[in-house]
Amino acid sequence: PCAAGPAPMSRAVIASTARTGLAKSYRGGFNQTHGAALAGHVIKHAIARAGVEAGEVEDVIMGCGFPEGATGYNVARTGATWGGVPFSASATTINRFCASGLQAIASAAHAVAVDGVPIAVAGGVESISLVQPLVAKSTVKEPRLEEAHPELWMPMIDTADLVAQRYGVSRADQDAYAVESQRRVAAAQEAGLFDAEIVPMEVTMAVKDKQTGAVSSVAYTVTKDECNRPGTTLASIEGLEPVRLEIDPKATITAGNASQLSDGASACVVMSEAEASRRGISPLGIFKGFAVAGCGPEEMGIGPVLAVPRLLGRHGLTVDDVDLWELNEAFAVVPLHASRALGIPLDKLNVNGGSIAVGHPFGMTGSRQVGHVLLEGKRRGAKHVVVTMCVAGGMGAAGLFEVC
């Protein structure tokens, strides 16, 4: 018979969270900021907020949607070093596209619960400004796969239009949802509900003169989410032309009902419940579980509809048992279809808005969602909360947490 290994130390808890504000890609405050600096900034502050020493961290796990270029070369390692974590800690960068940040937290929690890791840092980072121009020029498709499954490389907006048509989500409903997301974010900002998450970051931003085209560098501090548009009305977005209208007359996805491109980073300190108790740390929440599911790449937007039942079923829960939901707003059609298919009340879903308003740095969003839903859950007296999203390539991911 196999010899028994070491018993798990205890459940994994989220001890702290820290993130940057989200800045517009290409035109915003982080358009010249290297991924290592973005990641390092939040890693440093998450560790400080948890009240632990950087030298006590055993591993750093960072998710990244496109871990190449300025977010390449194992950005978890370079970011950890930038943030003051000594070389005695290890680090790894992982990729599950838009679920990368959530996957990183789940991986850290598994390491804590299964392998007895006492303290880890997990989160996500994305620099669309610096990396997407590189990706656009360097993507190489495998010929056999491209012939058999061209949908693997299908642009995300194409998949969103397909989901809207296949599952009957109207343009009017998408626009109305987008306006409500903007309203909720504006109200949350006004009430200071994001302040406990964000750590301001001083950077150098590239600014282009609109008349001359000259580019200069200026000192700038990103202090808040900068992508949302307070005062957005239905009238202001319902006249926007669908992006793919010339290709598909039935297209409904516009710049107004899709997530914005933005740059940013987020990190959480994950530790064992026993370690937190020993140190007198009051955690934000307890990691309860994580599940993924696959679907056709062409309808990747239905991913949460498949992942959530798997997650809840494994924990003996129903949709009604969940008090708050963070379902990534990659496109308005995603939370609209998921809420209808799963029966999620809209007053429990993305209660302070989401990526349509604040932006979506691919690999960072999942970690931002975890930090936010735990803090908001505390304010509302919630118990069970779920973070979920669709994932490029045809997947869904979902994480379950208990608010402390």
Foldseek 3Di string as FASTA:
>chain_A
DDDDDDAFPFFKFFQFKAKAAWFFAPATDCLPPFQLQQLLVGVLVQCVSSVHDLALAAEEEEEAQDCDDSNHPFSRVSNSVSNPRDPNHYYGYDYQWQCRFVVFQQVVRCCCGPVVRFKHKGFYWFRCSGPVVVCVPDDDDDVVCCVVAVLLVPDPLQLLQVLCVVLVPDLLNLLVLLVVLLQLQVVCVVVCLCQRHYDKDWDWDWHADPPPRDIDIDIDIRRHQDQFDPPDDSVNPVPFDAPCCVVPVSGRFGLRFAFGAITMIMMTMMGHPVSCVVVVGDGLWTWDDKFKDFDALSNLLQACLPTVVVTQVVVVHALVLAQAEEEARRGSSSVVSSCVSRVHDPCRYCSNHHRSGRGRRRRRRQNVSVNSCSSVCVVVVTFKYKYKYGTRSGMIMMTIITGD
